[in-house]
C-alpha atoms as a PDB file:
ATOM      1  CA  MET A   1    -165.468 224.098 -69.755  1.00  0.00           C
ATOM      2  CA  GLY A   2    -165.198 221.754 -66.907  1.00  0.00           C
ATOM      3  CA  GLN A   3    -162.306 223.752 -65.550  1.00  0.00           C
ATOM      4  CA  LEU A   4    -164.278 226.988 -65.774  1.00  0.00           C
ATOM      5  CA  ALA A   5    -167.203 225.425 -63.940  1.00  0.00           C
ATOM      6  CA  GLU A   6    -164.818 224.165 -61.312  1.00  0.00           C
ATOM      7  CA  GLU A   7    -163.222 227.602 -60.864  1.00  0.00           C
ATOM      8  CA  ARG A   8    -166.636 229.173 -60.702  1.00  0.00           C
ATOM      9  CA  SER A   9    -167.854 226.817 -58.004  1.00  0.00           C
ATOM     10  CA  LEU A  10    -164.587 227.423 -56.097  1.00  0.00           C
ATOM     11  CA  LEU A  11    -165.084 231.167 -56.301  1.00  0.00           C
ATOM     12  CA  GLU A  12    -168.714 230.791 -55.187  1.00  0.00           C
ATOM     13  CA  ARG A  13    -167.635 228.729 -52.166  1.00  0.00           C
ATOM     14  CA  GLU A  14    -164.997 231.327 -51.256  1.00  0.00           C
ATOM     15  CA  MET A  15    -167.572 234.057 -51.592  1.00  0.00           C
ATOM     16  CA  LEU A  16    -170.022 232.129 -49.374  1.00  0.00           C
ATOM     17  CA  GLN A  17    -167.239 231.636 -46.789  1.00  0.00           C
ATOM     18  CA  ARG A  18    -166.458 235.347 -46.844  1.00  0.00           C
ATOM     19  CA  GLU A  19    -170.165 236.168 -46.444  1.00  0.00           C
ATOM     20  CA  HIS A  20    -170.406 233.812 -43.435  1.00  0.00           C
ATOM     21  CA  GLN A  21    -167.262 235.328 -41.920  1.00  0.00           C
ATOM     22  CA  LEU A  22    -168.672 238.805 -42.482  1.00  0.00           C
ATOM     23  CA  GLU A  23    -172.005 237.793 -40.912  1.00  0.00           C
ATOM     24  CA  ARG A  24    -170.175 236.337 -37.889  1.00  0.00           C
ATOM     25  CA  ARG A  25    -168.146 239.539 -37.512  1.00  0.00           C
ATOM     26  CA  GLU A  26    -171.303 241.650 -37.766  1.00  0.00           C
ATOM     27  CA  GLU A  27    -173.036 239.471 -35.153  1.00  0.00           C
ATOM     28  CA  ALA A  28    -170.008 239.723 -32.863  1.00  0.00           C
ATOM     29  CA  LEU A  29    -169.935 243.483 -33.372  1.00  0.00           C
ATOM     30  CA  GLN A  30    -173.670 243.681 -32.595  1.00  0.00           C
ATOM     31  CA  ARG A  31    -173.190 241.602 -29.416  1.00  0.00           C
ATOM     32  CA  GLN A  32    -170.300 243.868 -28.437  1.00  0.00           C
ATOM     33  CA  LYS A  33    -172.493 246.947 -28.980  1.00  0.00           C
ATOM     34  CA  VAL A  34    -175.251 245.456 -26.803  1.00  0.00           C
ATOM     35  CA  ALA A  35    -172.762 244.545 -24.061  1.00  0.00           C
ATOM     36  CA  THR A  36    -171.225 248.029 -24.186  1.00  0.00           C
ATOM     37  CA  ALA A  37    -174.656 249.667 -24.052  1.00  0.00           C
ATOM     38  CA  LEU A  38    -175.598 247.497 -21.050  1.00  0.00           C
ATOM     39  CA  ARG A  39    -172.327 248.354 -19.328  1.00  0.00           C
ATOM     40  CA  HIS A  40    -172.857 252.066 -19.950  1.00  0.00           C
ATOM     41  CA  ALA A  41    -176.443 251.860 -18.686  1.00  0.00           C
ATOM     42  CA  SER A  42    -175.260 250.061 -15.561  1.00  0.00           C
ATOM     43  CA  MET A  43    -172.551 252.654 -14.940  1.00  0.00           C
ATOM     44  CA  ALA A  44    -175.012 255.502 -15.507  1.00  0.00           C
ATOM     45  CA  LYS A  45    -177.450 253.919 -13.049  1.00  0.00           C
ATOM     46  CA  SER A  46    -174.682 253.456 -10.468  1.00  0.00           C
ATOM     47  CA  LEU A  47    -173.570 257.040 -10.972  1.00  0.00           C
ATOM     48  CA  ASP A  48    -177.132 258.313 -10.511  1.00  0.00           C
ATOM     49  CA  MET A  49    -177.526 256.255  -7.347  1.00  0.00           C
ATOM     50  CA  ALA A  50    -174.208 257.550  -5.989  1.00  0.00           C
ATOM     51  CA  ARG A  51    -175.205 261.133  -6.776  1.00  0.00           C
ATOM     52  CA  ASN A  52    -178.572 260.663  -5.065  1.00  0.00           C
ATOM     53  CA  GLN A  53    -176.921 259.143  -1.999  1.00  0.00           C
ATOM     54  CA  ASN A  54    -174.390 261.968  -1.972  1.00  0.00           C
ATOM     55  CA  GLN A  55    -177.170 264.560  -2.048  1.00  0.00           C
ATOM     56  CA  GLU A  56    -179.058 262.731   0.708  1.00  0.00           C
ATOM     57  CA  LEU A  57    -175.918 262.711   2.859  1.00  0.00           C
ATOM     58  CA  ARG A  58    -175.338 266.415   2.217  1.00  0.00           C
ATOM     59  CA  ASP A  59    -178.924 267.150   3.238  1.00  0.00           C
ATOM     60  CA  LYS A  60    -178.515 265.041   6.354  1.00  0.00           C
ATOM     61  CA  VAL A  61    -175.259 266.828   7.259  1.00  0.00           C
ATOM     62  CA  ARG A  62    -176.957 270.199   6.789  1.00  0.00           C
ATOM     63  CA  ASP A  63    -179.859 269.105   9.033  1.00  0.00           C
ATOM     64  CA  LEU A  64    -177.474 267.787  11.683  1.00  0.00           C
ATOM     65  CA  GLU A  65    -175.422 270.988  11.592  1.00  0.00           C
ATOM     66  CA  ARG A  66    -178.632 272.973  12.037  1.00  0.00           C
ATOM     67  CA  GLU A  67    -179.593 270.781  15.004  1.00  0.00           C
ATOM     68  CA  VAL A  68    -176.126 271.219  16.537  1.00  0.00           C
ATOM     69  CA  ASP A  69    -176.444 274.984  16.172  1.00  0.00           C
ATOM     70  CA  GLU A  70    -179.861 274.911  17.836  1.00  0.00           C
ATOM     71  CA  VAL A  71    -178.575 272.756  20.702  1.00  0.00           C
ATOM     72  CA  ASN A  72    -175.578 275.068  21.146  1.00  0.00           C
ATOM     73  CA  ASP A  73    -177.875 278.100  21.220  1.00  0.00           C
ATOM     74  CA  GLU A  74    -180.078 276.444  23.841  1.00  0.00           C
ATOM     75  CA  ARG A  75    -177.008 275.475  25.874  1.00  0.00           C
ATOM     76  CA  ASN A  76    -175.641 279.013  25.704  1.00  0.00           C
ATOM     77  CA  GLN A  77    -178.997 280.384  26.841  1.00  0.00           C
ATOM     78  CA  LEU A  78    -179.106 277.946  29.749  1.00  0.00           C
ATOM     79  CA  VAL A  79    -175.528 278.795  30.777  1.00  0.00           C
ATOM     80  CA  ALA A  80    -176.311 282.516  30.613  1.00  0.00           C
ATOM     81  CA  GLN A  81    -179.472 281.991  32.640  1.00  0.00           C
ATOM     82  CA  GLU A  82    -177.577 279.937  35.232  1.00  0.00           C
ATOM     83  CA  LEU A  83    -174.890 282.617  35.507  1.00  0.00           C
ATOM     84  CA  MET A  84    -177.521 285.317  35.952  1.00  0.00           C
ATOM     85  CA  MET A  85    -179.203 283.282  38.685  1.00  0.00           C
ATOM     86  CA  ALA A  86    -175.885 282.666  40.418  1.00  0.00           C
ATOM     87  CA  ASN A  87    -175.003 286.343  40.154  1.00  0.00           C
ATOM     88  CA  ALA A  88    -178.362 287.353  41.594  1.00  0.00           C
ATOM     89  CA  GLN A  89    -178.006 284.851  44.421  1.00  0.00           C
ATOM     90  CA  PHE A  90    -174.680 286.260  45.608  1.00  0.00           C
ATOM     91  CA  ALA A  91    -175.249 289.927  44.867  1.00  0.00           C
ATOM     92  CA  PRO A  92    -174.541 292.292  47.805  1.00  0.00           C
ATOM     93  CA  ARG A  93    -178.187 293.304  48.145  1.00  0.00           C
ATOM     94  CA  MET A  94    -179.094 289.671  48.622  1.00  0.00           C
ATOM     95  CA  TYR A  95    -176.309 289.142  51.134  1.00  0.00           C
ATOM     96  CA  GLY A  96    -177.767 291.797  53.396  1.00  0.00           C
ATOM     97  CA  ALA A  97    -181.203 290.247  53.127  1.00  0.00           C
ATOM     98  CA  LEU A  98    -179.777 286.871  54.063  1.00  0.00           C
ATOM     99  CA  GLN A  99    -178.137 288.352  57.166  1.00  0.00           C
ATOM    100  CA  ALA A 100    -181.399 289.936  58.235  1.00  0.00           C
ATOM    101  CA  VAL A 101    -183.182 286.619  57.881  1.00  0.00           C
ATOM    102  CA  SER A 102    -180.505 284.636  59.684  1.00  0.00           C
ATOM    103  CA  GLY A 103    -180.142 287.154  62.493  1.00  0.00           C
ATOM    104  CA  ASP A 104    -176.384 287.472  62.124  1.00  0.00           C
ATOM    105  CA  GLN A 105    -174.741 290.729  62.957  1.00  0.00           C
ATOM    106  CA  PRO A 106    -172.610 292.322  60.282  1.00  0.00           C
ATOM    107  CA  PRO A 107    -168.924 291.822  60.983  1.00  0.00           C
ATOM    108  CA  ALA A 108    -167.271 294.517  63.034  1.00  0.00           C
ATOM    109  CA  ALA A 109    -164.800 296.850  61.442  1.00  0.00           C
ATOM    110  CA  PRO A 110    -161.251 295.631  61.925  1.00  0.00           C
ATOM    111  CA  ARG A 111    -159.446 297.290  64.850  1.00  0.00           C
ATOM    112  CA  ARG A 112    -155.865 298.376  64.898  1.00  0.00           C
ATOM    113  CA  LEU A 113    -153.875 296.545  67.431  1.00  0.00           C
ATOM    114  CA  SER A 114    -151.463 298.410  69.612  1.00  0.00           C
ATOM    115  CA  ARG A 115    -147.766 297.645  69.406  1.00  0.00           C
ATOM    116  CA  GLN A 116    -147.905 295.999  72.749  1.00  0.00           C
ATOM    117  CA  ALA A 117    -150.610 293.614  71.577  1.00  0.00           C
ATOM    118  CA  VAL A 118    -148.654 292.779  68.428  1.00  0.00           C
ATOM    119  CA  ASN A 119    -145.258 292.473  70.093  1.00  0.00           C
ATOM    120  CA  PRO A 120    -145.743 291.584  73.766  1.00  0.00           C
ATOM    121  CA  VAL A 121    -142.150 292.176  74.871  1.00  0.00           C
ATOM    122  CA  ASP A 122    -141.686 293.421  78.416  1.00  0.00           C
ATOM    123  CA  ASN A 123    -140.194 296.932  78.400  1.00  0.00           C
ATOM    124  CA  GLY A 124    -139.440 297.210  81.921  1.00  0.00           C
END
């Protein structure tokens, strides 16, 4: 009987050791689950922040492109206006008005020069 009691107590100790090992494994597994959940939550938060920043940057790019288009349109209008003003300033009708104001005479029609005037060689 003493041997049976001894075997029984040995088996009970082994069973208690296995239970403790199992509890430690379960605790380690639970800690691992918590750490994994925290890591996933952190990654999800980082991903959300990156997506939000990405959307903000896209919106900013769209606004800047719109502003560039508006500035280009204004520039084109100013260039067209400047060209129209320059064209009007040097138009033939204005040139005549400027001559009348300045008192200049219109240039004379070009005259044909005689051969003697062009080539003054003595023929005689």
